[in-house]
Amino acid sequence: ESVREMLTDNANTPITDQTDPVVHLGLDSLDGVLIAATICDKLKFNI
């Protein structure tokens, strides 16, 4: 869900366990940091 929220052009791209967020979805390392913060907020545990 958090990865999908970061997507603009690839919002309908299937995301599986094998999906590489950089290669397959065009995200970058900074997006990973932002997603970590989002996950912390949503799941209420500290990364």
All heavy atoms as atom14 arrays in JSON, in Angstrom:
{
  "sequence": "ESVREMLTDNANTPITDQTDPVVHLGLDSLDGVLIAATICDKLKFNI",
  "atom14_mask": [
    [1, 1, 1, 1, 1, 1, 1, 1, 1, 0, 0, 0, 0, 0],
    [1, 1, 1, 1, 1, 1, 0, 0, 0, 0, 0, 0, 0, 0],
    [1, 1, 1, 1, 1, 1, 1, 0, 0, 0, 0, 0, 0, 0],
    [1, 1, 1, 1, 1, 1, 1, 1, 1, 1, 1, 0, 0, 0],
    [1, 1, 1, 1, 1, 1, 1, 1, 1, 0, 0, 0, 0, 0],
    [1, 1, 1, 1, 1, 1, 1, 1, 0, 0, 0, 0, 0, 0],
    [1, 1, 1, 1, 1, 1, 1, 1, 0, 0, 0, 0, 0, 0],
    [1, 1, 1, 1, 1, 1, 1, 0, 0, 0, 0, 0, 0, 0],
    [1, 1, 1, 1, 1, 1, 1, 1, 0, 0, 0, 0, 0, 0],
    [1, 1, 1, 1, 1, 1, 1, 1, 0, 0, 0, 0, 0, 0],
    [1, 1, 1, 1, 1, 0, 0, 0, 0, 0, 0, 0, 0, 0],
    [1, 1, 1, 1, 1, 1, 1, 1, 0, 0, 0, 0, 0, 0],
    [1, 1, 1, 1, 1, 1, 1, 0, 0, 0, 0, 0, 0, 0],
    [1, 1, 1, 1, 1, 1, 1, 0, 0, 0, 0, 0, 0, 0],
    [1, 1, 1, 1, 1, 1, 1, 1, 0, 0, 0, 0, 0, 0],
    [1, 1, 1, 1, 1, 1, 1, 0, 0, 0, 0, 0, 0, 0],
    [1, 1, 1, 1, 1, 1, 1, 1, 0, 0, 0, 0, 0, 0],
    [1, 1, 1, 1, 1, 1, 1, 1, 1, 0, 0, 0, 0, 0],
    [1, 1, 1, 1, 1, 1, 1, 0, 0, 0, 0, 0, 0, 0],
    [1, 1, 1, 1, 1, 1, 1, 1, 0, 0, 0, 0, 0, 0],
    [1, 1, 1, 1, 1, 1, 1, 0, 0, 0, 0, 0, 0, 0],
    [1, 1, 1, 1, 1, 1, 1, 0, 0, 0, 0, 0, 0, 0],
    [1, 1, 1, 1, 1, 1, 1, 0, 0, 0, 0, 0, 0, 0],
    [1, 1, 1, 1, 1, 1, 1, 1, 1, 1, 0, 0, 0, 0],
    [1, 1, 1, 1, 1, 1, 1, 1, 0, 0, 0, 0, 0, 0],
    [1, 1, 1, 1, 0, 0, 0, 0, 0, 0, 0, 0, 0, 0],
    [1, 1, 1, 1, 1, 1, 1, 1, 0, 0, 0, 0, 0, 0],
    [1, 1, 1, 1, 1, 1, 1, 1, 0, 0, 0, 0, 0, 0],
    [1, 1, 1, 1, 1, 1, 0, 0, 0, 0, 0, 0, 0, 0],
    [1, 1, 1, 1, 1, 1, 1, 1, 0, 0, 0, 0, 0, 0],
    [1, 1, 1, 1, 1, 1, 1, 1, 0, 0, 0, 0, 0, 0],
    [1, 1, 1, 1, 0, 0, 0, 0, 0, 0, 0, 0, 0, 0],
    [1, 1, 1, 1, 1, 1, 1, 0, 0, 0, 0, 0, 0, 0],
    [1, 1, 1, 1, 1, 1, 1, 1, 0, 0, 0, 0, 0, 0],
    [1, 1, 1, 1, 1, 1, 1, 1, 0, 0, 0, 0, 0, 0],
    [1, 1, 1, 1, 1, 0, 0, 0, 0, 0, 0, 0, 0, 0],
    [1, 1, 1, 1, 1, 0, 0, 0, 0, 0, 0, 0, 0, 0],
    [1, 1, 1, 1, 1, 1, 1, 0, 0, 0, 0, 0, 0, 0],
    [1, 1, 1, 1, 1, 1, 1, 1, 0, 0, 0, 0, 0, 0],
    [1, 1, 1, 1, 1, 1, 0, 0, 0, 0, 0, 0, 0, 0],
    [1, 1, 1, 1, 1, 1, 1, 1, 0, 0, 0, 0, 0, 0],
    [1, 1, 1, 1, 1, 1, 1, 1, 1, 0, 0, 0, 0, 0],
    [1, 1, 1, 1, 1, 1, 1, 1, 0, 0, 0, 0, 0, 0],
    [1, 1, 1, 1, 1, 1, 1, 1, 1, 0, 0, 0, 0, 0],
    [1, 1, 1, 1, 1, 1, 1, 1, 1, 1, 1, 0, 0, 0],
    [1, 1, 1, 1, 1, 1, 1, 1, 0, 0, 0, 0, 0, 0],
    [1, 1, 1, 1, 1, 1, 1, 1, 0, 0, 0, 0, 0, 0]
  ],
  "atom14_positions": [
    [[0.83, -1.21, 0.0], [0.0, 0.0, 0.0], [0.87, 1.26, 0.0], [0.61, 2.21, -0.75], [-0.91, -0.01, 1.23], [-1.77, 1.22, 1.37], [-2.59, 1.19, 2.66], [-3.04, 0.1, 3.06], [-2.76, 2.27, 3.26], [0.0, 0.0, 0.0], [0.0, 0.0, 0.0], [0.0, 0.0, 0.0], [0.0, 0.0, 0.0], [0.0, 0.0, 0.0]],
    [[1.91, 1.26, 0.81], [2.8, 2.43, 0.92], [3.58, 2.64, -0.37], [3.78, 3.79, -0.79], [3.74, 2.26, 2.11], [3.01, 2.15, 3.3], [0.0, 0.0, 0.0], [0.0, 0.0, 0.0], [0.0, 0.0, 0.0], [0.0, 0.0, 0.0], [0.0, 0.0, 0.0], [0.0, 0.0, 0.0], [0.0, 0.0, 0.0], [0.0, 0.0, 0.0]],
    [[4.02, 1.56, -0.99], [4.72, 1.68, -2.27], [3.76, 2.23, -3.33], [4.12, 3.14, -4.08], [5.32, 0.32, -2.71], [5.75, 0.35, -4.17], [6.49, -0.06, -1.81], [0.0, 0.0, 0.0], [0.0, 0.0, 0.0], [0.0, 0.0, 0.0], [0.0, 0.0, 0.0], [0.0, 0.0, 0.0], [0.0, 0.0, 0.0], [0.0, 0.0, 0.0]],
    [[2.54, 1.73, -3.37], [1.55, 2.23, -4.32], [1.3, 3.72, -4.17], [1.11, 4.43, -5.15], [0.23, 1.49, -4.17], [0.23, 0.16, -4.8], [-1.15, -0.29, -5.22], [-1.07, -1.65, -5.67], [-0.59, -2.01, -6.84], [-0.17, -1.12, -7.69], [-0.52, -3.29, -7.17], [0.0, 0.0, 0.0], [0.0, 0.0, 0.0], [0.0, 0.0, 0.0]],
    [[1.29, 4.18, -2.93], [1.07, 5.61, -2.68], [2.19, 6.47, -3.27], [1.96, 7.64, -3.57], [0.94, 5.86, -1.18], [-0.34, 5.32, -0.6], [-0.4, 5.39, 0.92], [0.57, 5.89, 1.56], [-1.4, 4.92, 1.48], [0.0, 0.0, 0.0], [0.0, 0.0, 0.0], [0.0, 0.0, 0.0], [0.0, 0.0, 0.0], [0.0, 0.0, 0.0]],
    [[3.38, 5.9, -3.42], [4.52, 6.64, -3.98], [4.5, 6.67, -5.51], [5.19, 7.48, -6.12], [5.85, 6.02, -3.52], [6.1, 6.1, -2.05], [6.31, 7.77, -1.42], [7.78, 8.29, -2.26], [0.0, 0.0, 0.0], [0.0, 0.0, 0.0], [0.0, 0.0, 0.0], [0.0, 0.0, 0.0], [0.0, 0.0, 0.0], [0.0, 0.0, 0.0]],
    [[3.73, 5.79, -6.11], [3.73, 5.66, -7.56], [2.85, 6.71, -8.21], [1.81, 7.08, -7.68], [3.24, 4.27, -7.98], [4.05, 3.09, -7.47], [3.39, 1.79, -7.91], [5.49, 3.16, -7.97], [0.0, 0.0, 0.0], [0.0, 0.0, 0.0], [0.0, 0.0, 0.0], [0.0, 0.0, 0.0], [0.0, 0.0, 0.0], [0.0, 0.0, 0.0]],
    [[3.27, 7.14, -9.38], [2.45, 8.06, -10.16], [2.07, 7.37, -11.47], [0.91, 7.1, -11.72], [3.18, 9.38, -10.43], [4.46, 9.11, -11.0], [3.35, 10.17, -9.15], [0.0, 0.0, 0.0], [0.0, 0.0, 0.0], [0.0, 0.0, 0.0], [0.0, 0.0, 0.0], [0.0, 0.0, 0.0], [0.0, 0.0, 0.0], [0.0, 0.0, 0.0]],
    [[3.06, 7.04, -12.27], [2.8, 6.45, -13.59], [2.51, 4.97, -13.54], [1.88, 4.43, -14.43], [4.01, 6.67, -14.52], [4.26, 8.14, -14.76], [3.32, 8.94, -14.61], [5.4, 8.49, -15.07], [0.0, 0.0, 0.0], [0.0, 0.0, 0.0], [0.0, 0.0, 0.0], [0.0, 0.0, 0.0], [0.0, 0.0, 0.0], [0.0, 0.0, 0.0]],
    [[2.97, 4.28, -12.51], [2.86, 2.82, -12.45], [1.84, 2.35, -11.42], [1.96, 1.28, -10.87], [4.23, 2.21, -12.09], [5.28, 2.55, -13.11], [5.01, 2.56, -14.29], [6.48, 2.83, -12.65], [0.0, 0.0, 0.0], [0.0, 0.0, 0.0], [0.0, 0.0, 0.0], [0.0, 0.0, 0.0], [0.0, 0.0, 0.0], [0.0, 0.0, 0.0]],
    [[0.82, 3.15, -11.17], [-0.12, 2.86, -10.1], [-0.85, 1.53, -10.28], [-1.28, 0.92, -9.31], [-1.13, 3.98, -9.96], [0.0, 0.0, 0.0], [0.0, 0.0, 0.0], [0.0, 0.0, 0.0], [0.0, 0.0, 0.0], [0.0, 0.0, 0.0], [0.0, 0.0, 0.0], [0.0, 0.0, 0.0], [0.0, 0.0, 0.0], [0.0, 0.0, 0.0]],
    [[-0.97, 1.04, -11.51], [-1.68, -0.22, -11.76], [-0.73, -1.4, -11.94], [-1.18, -2.5, -12.22], [-2.58, -0.08, -12.99], [-3.7, 0.92, -12.74], [-4.23, 1.0, -11.65], [-4.02, 1.7, -13.75], [0.0, 0.0, 0.0], [0.0, 0.0, 0.0], [0.0, 0.0, 0.0], [0.0, 0.0, 0.0], [0.0, 0.0, 0.0], [0.0, 0.0, 0.0]],
    [[0.56, -1.17, -11.8], [1.54, -2.23, -11.95], [1.39, -3.24, -10.81], [1.32, -2.85, -9.64], [2.97, -1.65, -11.91], [3.1, -0.7, -12.97], [4.01, -2.73, -12.06], [0.0, 0.0, 0.0], [0.0, 0.0, 0.0], [0.0, 0.0, 0.0], [0.0, 0.0, 0.0], [0.0, 0.0, 0.0], [0.0, 0.0, 0.0], [0.0, 0.0, 0.0]],
    [[1.32, -4.53, -11.14], [1.24, -5.53, -10.06], [2.5, -5.49, -9.2], [3.61, -5.31, -9.71], [1.15, -6.86, -10.81], [0.82, -6.53, -12.22], [1.28, -5.12, -12.46], [0.0, 0.0, 0.0], [0.0, 0.0, 0.0], [0.0, 0.0, 0.0], [0.0, 0.0, 0.0], [0.0, 0.0, 0.0], [0.0, 0.0, 0.0], [0.0, 0.0, 0.0]],
    [[2.32, -5.63, -7.9], [3.45, -5.66, -6.97], [3.45, -7.01, -6.3], [2.5, -7.37, -5.61], [3.35, -4.52, -5.94], [3.39, -3.17, -6.64], [4.48, -4.63, -4.91], [3.16, -1.98, -5.72], [0.0, 0.0, 0.0], [0.0, 0.0, 0.0], [0.0, 0.0, 0.0], [0.0, 0.0, 0.0], [0.0, 0.0, 0.0], [0.0, 0.0, 0.0]],
    [[4.53, -7.77, -6.52], [4.69, -9.09, -5.93], [5.9, -9.08, -5.01], [6.62, -8.08, -4.93], [4.9, -10.17, -7.01], [6.19, -9.96, -7.62], [3.8, -10.11, -8.08], [0.0, 0.0, 0.0], [0.0, 0.0, 0.0], [0.0, 0.0, 0.0], [0.0, 0.0, 0.0], [0.0, 0.0, 0.0], [0.0, 0.0, 0.0], [0.0, 0.0, 0.0]],
    [[6.16, -10.2, -4.36], [7.34, -10.3, -3.5], [8.63, -10.14, -4.3], [9.66, -9.77, -3.75], [7.35, -11.62, -2.75], [6.36, -11.64, -1.6], [5.84, -10.56, -1.22], [6.1, -12.74, -1.07], [0.0, 0.0, 0.0], [0.0, 0.0, 0.0], [0.0, 0.0, 0.0], [0.0, 0.0, 0.0], [0.0, 0.0, 0.0], [0.0, 0.0, 0.0]],
    [[8.59, -10.42, -5.6], [9.79, -10.32, -6.43], [9.98, -8.94, -7.05], [10.98, -8.67, -7.7], [9.75, -11.36, -7.56], [9.92, -12.8, -7.07], [8.67, -13.33, -6.37], [7.56, -13.07, -6.78], [8.87, -14.07, -5.29], [0.0, 0.0, 0.0], [0.0, 0.0, 0.0], [0.0, 0.0, 0.0], [0.0, 0.0, 0.0], [0.0, 0.0, 0.0]],
    [[9.03, -8.04, -6.85], [9.12, -6.7, -7.43], [10.28, -5.93, -6.82], [10.4, -5.82, -5.6], [7.81, -5.92, -7.21], [6.73, -6.64, -7.82], [7.89, -4.53, -7.81], [0.0, 0.0, 0.0], [0.0, 0.0, 0.0], [0.0, 0.0, 0.0], [0.0, 0.0, 0.0], [0.0, 0.0, 0.0], [0.0, 0.0, 0.0], [0.0, 0.0, 0.0]],
    [[11.12, -5.4, -7.69], [12.22, -4.52, -7.29], [11.68, -3.1, -7.39], [11.36, -2.64, -8.49], [13.41, -4.73, -8.23], [14.59, -3.83, -7.92], [14.38, -2.64, -7.59], [15.73, -4.31, -8.03], [0.0, 0.0, 0.0], [0.0, 0.0, 0.0], [0.0, 0.0, 0.0], [0.0, 0.0, 0.0], [0.0, 0.0, 0.0], [0.0, 0.0, 0.0]],
    [[11.56, -2.38, -6.27], [10.94, -1.06, -6.33], [11.72, -0.05, -7.17], [11.13, 0.9, -7.69], [10.85, -0.62, -4.87], [11.71, -1.55, -4.1], [11.92, -2.77, -4.91], [0.0, 0.0, 0.0], [0.0, 0.0, 0.0], [0.0, 0.0, 0.0], [0.0, 0.0, 0.0], [0.0, 0.0, 0.0], [0.0, 0.0, 0.0], [0.0, 0.0, 0.0]],
    [[13.01, -0.25, -7.31], [13.82, 0.68, -8.1], [13.73, 0.33, -9.58], [13.36, 1.16, -10.41], [15.29, 0.68, -7.61], [16.16, 1.52, -8.52], [15.36, 1.17, -6.17], [0.0, 0.0, 0.0], [0.0, 0.0, 0.0], [0.0, 0.0, 0.0], [0.0, 0.0, 0.0], [0.0, 0.0, 0.0], [0.0, 0.0, 0.0], [0.0, 0.0, 0.0]],
    [[14.03, -0.91, -9.93], [14.05, -1.33, -11.33], [12.65, -1.39, -11.93], [12.39, -0.86, -13.0], [14.76, -2.69, -11.49], [14.62, -3.23, -12.91], [16.22, -2.58, -11.09], [0.0, 0.0, 0.0], [0.0, 0.0, 0.0], [0.0, 0.0, 0.0], [0.0, 0.0, 0.0], [0.0, 0.0, 0.0], [0.0, 0.0, 0.0], [0.0, 0.0, 0.0]],
    [[11.72, -2.03, -11.21], [10.39, -2.25, -11.76], [9.44, -1.07, -11.6], [8.52, -0.92, -12.4], [9.75, -3.49, -11.13], [10.51, -4.74, -11.39], [10.82, -5.63, -10.37], [11.04, -5.26, -12.52], [11.5, -6.64, -10.88], [11.65, -6.43, -12.18], [0.0, 0.0, 0.0], [0.0, 0.0, 0.0], [0.0, 0.0, 0.0], [0.0, 0.0, 0.0]],
    [[9.64, -0.26, -10.57], [8.67, 0.8, -10.27], [9.23, 2.21, -10.38], [8.5, 3.18, -10.26], [8.09, 0.58, -8.87], [7.43, -0.79, -8.64], [6.99, -0.91, -7.19], [6.27, -0.99, -9.58], [0.0, 0.0, 0.0], [0.0, 0.0, 0.0], [0.0, 0.0, 0.0], [0.0, 0.0, 0.0], [0.0, 0.0, 0.0], [0.0, 0.0, 0.0]],
    [[10.54, 2.33, -10.58], [11.14, 3.64, -10.77], [11.3, 4.45, -9.49], [11.49, 5.67, -9.54], [0.0, 0.0, 0.0], [0.0, 0.0, 0.0], [0.0, 0.0, 0.0], [0.0, 0.0, 0.0], [0.0, 0.0, 0.0], [0.0, 0.0, 0.0], [0.0, 0.0, 0.0], [0.0, 0.0, 0.0], [0.0, 0.0, 0.0], [0.0, 0.0, 0.0]],
    [[11.24, 3.8, -8.34], [11.44, 4.5, -7.08], [12.94, 4.58, -6.78], [13.74, 3.92, -7.44], [10.7, 3.78, -5.95], [9.17, 3.71, -6.14], [8.54, 2.9, -5.01], [8.55, 5.09, -6.2], [0.0, 0.0, 0.0], [0.0, 0.0, 0.0], [0.0, 0.0, 0.0], [0.0, 0.0, 0.0], [0.0, 0.0, 0.0], [0.0, 0.0, 0.0]],
    [[13.31, 5.38, -5.79], [14.73, 5.48, -5.45], [14.92, 5.35, -3.94], [13.96, 5.14, -3.19], [15.33, 6.78, -5.98], [14.67, 8.03, -5.41], [14.12, 7.98, -4.29], [14.72, 9.08, -6.09], [0.0, 0.0, 0.0], [0.0, 0.0, 0.0], [0.0, 0.0, 0.0], [0.0, 0.0, 0.0], [0.0, 0.0, 0.0], [0.0, 0.0, 0.0]],
    [[16.15, 5.48, -3.51], [16.5, 5.28, -2.11], [15.76, 6.27, -1.21], [15.31, 5.9, -0.12], [18.01, 5.44, -1.94], [18.38, 5.18, -0.62], [0.0, 0.0, 0.0], [0.0, 0.0, 0.0], [0.0, 0.0, 0.0], [0.0, 0.0, 0.0], [0.0, 0.0, 0.0], [0.0, 0.0, 0.0], [0.0, 0.0, 0.0], [0.0, 0.0, 0.0]],
    [[15.61, 7.5, -1.63], [14.88, 8.48, -0.83], [13.43, 8.04, -0.65], [12.86, 8.2, 0.44], [14.93, 9.86, -1.48], [14.17, 10.97, -0.74], [14.66, 11.1, 0.69], [14.28, 12.28, -1.48], [0.0, 0.0, 0.0], [0.0, 0.0, 0.0], [0.0, 0.0, 0.0], [0.0, 0.0, 0.0], [0.0, 0.0, 0.0], [0.0, 0.0, 0.0]],
    [[12.83, 7.47, -1.68], [11.47, 6.94, -1.56], [11.42, 5.87, -0.47], [10.44, 5.77, 0.27], [10.98, 6.36, -2.88], [10.81, 7.42, -3.96], [10.35, 8.54, -3.64], [11.13, 7.12, -5.14], [0.0, 0.0, 0.0], [0.0, 0.0, 0.0], [0.0, 0.0, 0.0], [0.0, 0.0, 0.0], [0.0, 0.0, 0.0], [0.0, 0.0, 0.0]],
    [[12.48, 5.08, -0.37], [12.54, 4.04, 0.67], [12.49, 4.63, 2.06], [11.83, 4.11, 2.95], [0.0, 0.0, 0.0], [0.0, 0.0, 0.0], [0.0, 0.0, 0.0], [0.0, 0.0, 0.0], [0.0, 0.0, 0.0], [0.0, 0.0, 0.0], [0.0, 0.0, 0.0], [0.0, 0.0, 0.0], [0.0, 0.0, 0.0], [0.0, 0.0, 0.0]],
    [[13.17, 5.75, 2.26], [13.16, 6.43, 3.55], [11.76, 6.96, 3.84], [11.24, 6.81, 4.96], [14.2, 7.57, 3.58], [14.08, 8.4, 4.84], [15.61, 7.01, 3.42], [0.0, 0.0, 0.0], [0.0, 0.0, 0.0], [0.0, 0.0, 0.0], [0.0, 0.0, 0.0], [0.0, 0.0, 0.0], [0.0, 0.0, 0.0], [0.0, 0.0, 0.0]],
    [[11.12, 7.55, 2.85], [9.77, 8.07, 3.03], [8.77, 6.95, 3.3], [7.87, 7.09, 4.14], [9.34, 8.87, 1.79], [10.17, 10.12, 1.5], [9.76, 10.74, 0.17], [10.03, 11.13, 2.62], [0.0, 0.0, 0.0], [0.0, 0.0, 0.0], [0.0, 0.0, 0.0], [0.0, 0.0, 0.0], [0.0, 0.0, 0.0], [0.0, 0.0, 0.0]],
    [[8.94, 5.83, 2.62], [8.06, 4.68, 2.85], [8.26, 4.14, 4.25], [7.3, 3.74, 4.92], [8.26, 3.62, 1.75], [7.62, 4.12, 0.45], [7.7, 2.27, 2.15], [7.91, 3.29, -0.77], [0.0, 0.0, 0.0], [0.0, 0.0, 0.0], [0.0, 0.0, 0.0], [0.0, 0.0, 0.0], [0.0, 0.0, 0.0], [0.0, 0.0, 0.0]],
    [[9.5, 4.11, 4.73], [9.76, 3.65, 6.1], [9.0, 4.52, 7.1], [8.38, 4.01, 8.04], [11.26, 3.67, 6.39], [0.0, 0.0, 0.0], [0.0, 0.0, 0.0], [0.0, 0.0, 0.0], [0.0, 0.0, 0.0], [0.0, 0.0, 0.0], [0.0, 0.0, 0.0], [0.0, 0.0, 0.0], [0.0, 0.0, 0.0], [0.0, 0.0, 0.0]],
    [[9.01, 5.82, 6.89], [8.29, 6.73, 7.79], [6.78, 6.47, 7.73], [6.1, 6.45, 8.76], [8.6, 8.18, 7.44], [0.0, 0.0, 0.0], [0.0, 0.0, 0.0], [0.0, 0.0, 0.0], [0.0, 0.0, 0.0], [0.0, 0.0, 0.0], [0.0, 0.0, 0.0], [0.0, 0.0, 0.0], [0.0, 0.0, 0.0], [0.0, 0.0, 0.0]],
    [[6.28, 6.24, 6.53], [4.85, 5.95, 6.35], [4.48, 4.66, 7.06], [3.45, 4.59, 7.75], [4.52, 5.85, 4.85], [4.82, 7.1, 4.22], [3.07, 5.5, 4.61], [0.0, 0.0, 0.0], [0.0, 0.0, 0.0], [0.0, 0.0, 0.0], [0.0, 0.0, 0.0], [0.0, 0.0, 0.0], [0.0, 0.0, 0.0], [0.0, 0.0, 0.0]],
    [[5.31, 3.63, 6.91], [5.03, 2.34, 7.55], [5.06, 2.48, 9.07], [4.2, 1.91, 9.76], [6.04, 1.27, 7.05], [5.76, 0.96, 5.57], [5.97, 0.01, 7.9], [6.84, 0.15, 4.9], [0.0, 0.0, 0.0], [0.0, 0.0, 0.0], [0.0, 0.0, 0.0], [0.0, 0.0, 0.0], [0.0, 0.0, 0.0], [0.0, 0.0, 0.0]],
    [[6.01, 3.23, 9.6], [6.06, 3.47, 11.05], [4.75, 4.08, 11.53], [4.2, 3.67, 12.55], [7.2, 4.42, 11.4], [8.83, 3.68, 11.37], [0.0, 0.0, 0.0], [0.0, 0.0, 0.0], [0.0, 0.0, 0.0], [0.0, 0.0, 0.0], [0.0, 0.0, 0.0], [0.0, 0.0, 0.0], [0.0, 0.0, 0.0], [0.0, 0.0, 0.0]],
    [[4.26, 5.07, 10.8], [3.01, 5.73, 11.18], [1.82, 4.78, 11.11], [0.98, 4.74, 12.01], [2.73, 6.95, 10.3], [3.68, 8.1, 10.57], [4.31, 8.13, 11.65], [3.79, 8.98, 9.7], [0.0, 0.0, 0.0], [0.0, 0.0, 0.0], [0.0, 0.0, 0.0], [0.0, 0.0, 0.0], [0.0, 0.0, 0.0], [0.0, 0.0, 0.0]],
    [[1.74, 4.02, 10.04], [0.59, 3.14, 9.83], [0.58, 1.95, 10.79], [-0.48, 1.57, 11.28], [0.58, 2.62, 8.38], [0.2, 3.67, 7.37], [0.19, 3.08, 5.98], [-0.2, 4.13, 4.96], [-0.29, 3.57, 3.61], [0.0, 0.0, 0.0], [0.0, 0.0, 0.0], [0.0, 0.0, 0.0], [0.0, 0.0, 0.0], [0.0, 0.0, 0.0]],
    [[1.73, 1.34, 11.0], [1.78, 0.12, 11.8], [2.14, 0.35, 13.26], [2.11, -0.57, 14.06], [2.76, -0.88, 11.17], [2.39, -1.37, 9.78], [3.43, -2.36, 9.27], [1.0, -2.01, 9.76], [0.0, 0.0, 0.0], [0.0, 0.0, 0.0], [0.0, 0.0, 0.0], [0.0, 0.0, 0.0], [0.0, 0.0, 0.0], [0.0, 0.0, 0.0]],
    [[2.53, 1.57, 13.59], [2.84, 1.94, 14.97], [3.98, 1.11, 15.57], [3.9, 0.63, 16.69], [1.6, 1.82, 15.86], [0.4, 2.56, 15.35], [0.62, 4.04, 15.33], [-0.66, 4.76, 14.91], [-0.45, 5.82, 14.0], [0.0, 0.0, 0.0], [0.0, 0.0, 0.0], [0.0, 0.0, 0.0], [0.0, 0.0, 0.0], [0.0, 0.0, 0.0]],
    [[5.04, 0.91, 14.76], [6.26, 0.35, 15.32], [7.44, 1.07, 14.71], [7.33, 1.7, 13.67], [6.34, -1.17, 15.18], [6.82, -1.71, 13.87], [8.16, -1.98, 13.65], [5.93, -2.0, 12.86], [8.6, -2.51, 12.46], [6.35, -2.52, 11.65], [7.69, -2.78, 11.46], [0.0, 0.0, 0.0], [0.0, 0.0, 0.0], [0.0, 0.0, 0.0]],
    [[8.55, 1.05, 15.42], [9.71, 1.85, 15.03], [10.65, 1.09, 14.11], [11.08, 0.0, 14.44], [10.48, 2.31, 16.26], [9.69, 3.28, 17.09], [9.01, 4.14, 16.57], [9.76, 3.15, 18.4], [0.0, 0.0, 0.0], [0.0, 0.0, 0.0], [0.0, 0.0, 0.0], [0.0, 0.0, 0.0], [0.0, 0.0, 0.0], [0.0, 0.0, 0.0]],
    [[10.95, 1.72, 13.0], [11.99, 1.24, 12.1], [13.22, 2.08, 12.45], [13.13, 3.31, 12.51], [11.6, 1.43, 10.62], [10.35, 0.6, 10.3], [12.76, 1.05, 9.7], [9.77, 0.85, 8.93], [0.0, 0.0, 0.0], [0.0, 0.0, 0.0], [0.0, 0.0, 0.0], [0.0, 0.0, 0.0], [0.0, 0.0, 0.0], [0.0, 0.0, 0.0]]
  ]
}
